[in-house]
Amino acid sequence: MKGCVQFVFESRHAGEIYQALVPELDDELHRSNVNLGLEEGSIRLMIRGEDTVSLRAALNTWIRLVKIAFEMVSL
């Protein structure tokens, strides 16, 4: 079963957060695909997984990365 999840994170620091996350797109993910986009004041994150296990693993990774990036810009 394939799955897809999309998040939109709004922040006045969207550009900085996006720049911090872009290098992570180079990491090779098995059985999943990640798209990251920058829009006016927000970041759009879309994660697709070939199965529930790969989707869950990618979600855990990317939610953690986004959380850390948000914490760093708020220091």
C-alpha atoms as a PDB file:
ATOM      1  CA  MET A   1       0.000   0.000   0.000  1.00  0.00           C
ATOM      2  CA  LYS A   2       1.369   3.404  -0.969  1.00  0.00           C
ATOM      3  CA  GLY A   3       0.866   6.462   1.199  1.00  0.00           C
ATOM      4  CA  CYS A   4       1.309  10.207   0.929  1.00  0.00           C
ATOM      5  CA  VAL A   5       1.358  12.927   3.577  1.00  0.00           C
ATOM      6  CA  GLN A   6       1.580  16.662   3.042  1.00  0.00           C
ATOM      7  CA  PHE A   7       2.359  19.319   5.653  1.00  0.00           C
ATOM      8  CA  VAL A   8       2.374  23.105   5.433  1.00  0.00           C
ATOM      9  CA  PHE A   9       4.450  24.852   8.097  1.00  0.00           C
ATOM     10  CA  GLU A  10       3.928  28.596   8.447  1.00  0.00           C
ATOM     11  CA  SER A  11       6.650  30.811   9.851  1.00  0.00           C
ATOM     12  CA  ARG A  12       8.074  34.269   9.408  1.00  0.00           C
ATOM     13  CA  HIS A  13      11.428  32.428   9.188  1.00  0.00           C
ATOM     14  CA  ALA A  14      10.278  30.120   6.385  1.00  0.00           C
ATOM     15  CA  GLY A  15      13.195  31.029   4.119  1.00  0.00           C
ATOM     16  CA  GLU A  16      15.810  30.270   6.771  1.00  0.00           C
ATOM     17  CA  ILE A  17      14.146  27.003   7.747  1.00  0.00           C
ATOM     18  CA  TYR A  18      13.853  25.969   4.108  1.00  0.00           C
ATOM     19  CA  GLN A  19      17.567  26.653   3.532  1.00  0.00           C
ATOM     20  CA  ALA A  20      18.435  24.555   6.583  1.00  0.00           C
ATOM     21  CA  LEU A  21      16.333  21.622   5.359  1.00  0.00           C
ATOM     22  CA  VAL A  22      17.276  21.599   1.649  1.00  0.00           C
ATOM     23  CA  PRO A  23      20.618  19.758   2.140  1.00  0.00           C
ATOM     24  CA  GLU A  24      18.730  16.883   3.776  1.00  0.00           C
ATOM     25  CA  LEU A  25      16.989  16.180   0.457  1.00  0.00           C
ATOM     26  CA  ASP A  26      20.299  14.750  -0.815  1.00  0.00           C
ATOM     27  CA  ASP A  27      20.101  11.871   1.674  1.00  0.00           C
ATOM     28  CA  GLU A  28      19.012   8.684   0.002  1.00  0.00           C
ATOM     29  CA  LEU A  29      15.758   7.315   1.367  1.00  0.00           C
ATOM     30  CA  HIS A  30      14.768   3.762   0.615  1.00  0.00           C
ATOM     31  CA  ARG A  31      11.204   3.247  -0.624  1.00  0.00           C
ATOM     32  CA  SER A  32      10.174   6.849   0.031  1.00  0.00           C
ATOM     33  CA  ASN A  33      10.285  10.212  -1.716  1.00  0.00           C
ATOM     34  CA  VAL A  34      10.371  13.700  -0.177  1.00  0.00           C
ATOM     35  CA  ASN A  35       9.507  17.025  -1.823  1.00  0.00           C
ATOM     36  CA  LEU A  36      10.123  20.340  -0.116  1.00  0.00           C
ATOM     37  CA  GLY A  37       8.810  23.685  -1.355  1.00  0.00           C
ATOM     38  CA  LEU A  38       9.026  27.277  -0.213  1.00  0.00           C
ATOM     39  CA  GLU A  39       6.009  29.546  -0.548  1.00  0.00           C
ATOM     40  CA  GLU A  40       5.215  32.984   0.810  1.00  0.00           C
ATOM     41  CA  GLY A  41       5.726  32.570   4.555  1.00  0.00           C
ATOM     42  CA  SER A  42       5.410  28.782   4.550  1.00  0.00           C
ATOM     43  CA  ILE A  43       7.154  25.531   3.771  1.00  0.00           C
ATOM     44  CA  ARG A  44       5.363  22.672   2.055  1.00  0.00           C
ATOM     45  CA  LEU A  45       6.617  19.164   2.819  1.00  0.00           C
ATOM     46  CA  MET A  46       5.288  16.147   0.919  1.00  0.00           C
ATOM     47  CA  ILE A  47       6.362  12.623   1.797  1.00  0.00           C
ATOM     48  CA  ARG A  48       5.445   9.560  -0.240  1.00  0.00           C
ATOM     49  CA  GLY A  49       6.127   6.007   0.863  1.00  0.00           C
ATOM     50  CA  GLU A  50       5.929   2.719  -0.965  1.00  0.00           C
ATOM     51  CA  ASP A  51       4.483   1.125   2.167  1.00  0.00           C
ATOM     52  CA  THR A  52       3.449   2.100   5.685  1.00  0.00           C
ATOM     53  CA  VAL A  53       6.830   1.192   7.191  1.00  0.00           C
ATOM     54  CA  SER A  54       8.801   3.419   4.810  1.00  0.00           C
ATOM     55  CA  LEU A  55       6.260   6.231   5.162  1.00  0.00           C
ATOM     56  CA  ARG A  56       6.453   6.091   8.961  1.00  0.00           C
ATOM     57  CA  ALA A  57      10.261   6.082   8.917  1.00  0.00           C
ATOM     58  CA  ALA A  58      10.417   9.077   6.568  1.00  0.00           C
ATOM     59  CA  LEU A  59       7.791  10.925   8.634  1.00  0.00           C
ATOM     60  CA  ASN A  60       9.755  10.373  11.846  1.00  0.00           C
ATOM     61  CA  THR A  61      12.939  11.658  10.224  1.00  0.00           C
ATOM     62  CA  TRP A  62      11.436  14.736   8.597  1.00  0.00           C
ATOM     63  CA  ILE A  63       9.211  15.783  11.492  1.00  0.00           C
ATOM     64  CA  ARG A  64      12.282  15.653  13.734  1.00  0.00           C
ATOM     65  CA  LEU A  65      14.317  17.728  11.237  1.00  0.00           C
ATOM     66  CA  VAL A  66      11.572  20.349  10.909  1.00  0.00           C
ATOM     67  CA  LYS A  67      11.164  20.550  14.687  1.00  0.00           C
ATOM     68  CA  ILE A  68      14.893  21.125  15.173  1.00  0.00           C
ATOM     69  CA  ALA A  69      14.988  23.780  12.431  1.00  0.00           C
ATOM     70  CA  PHE A  70      12.071  25.645  14.037  1.00  0.00           C
ATOM     71  CA  GLU A  71      13.776  25.475  17.425  1.00  0.00           C
ATOM     72  CA  MET A  72      17.044  26.848  16.019  1.00  0.00           C
ATOM     73  CA  VAL A  73      15.460  29.939  14.436  1.00  0.00           C
ATOM     74  CA  SER A  74      13.641  30.738  17.672  1.00  0.00           C
ATOM     75  CA  LEU A  75      16.862  30.989  19.720  1.00  0.00           C
END
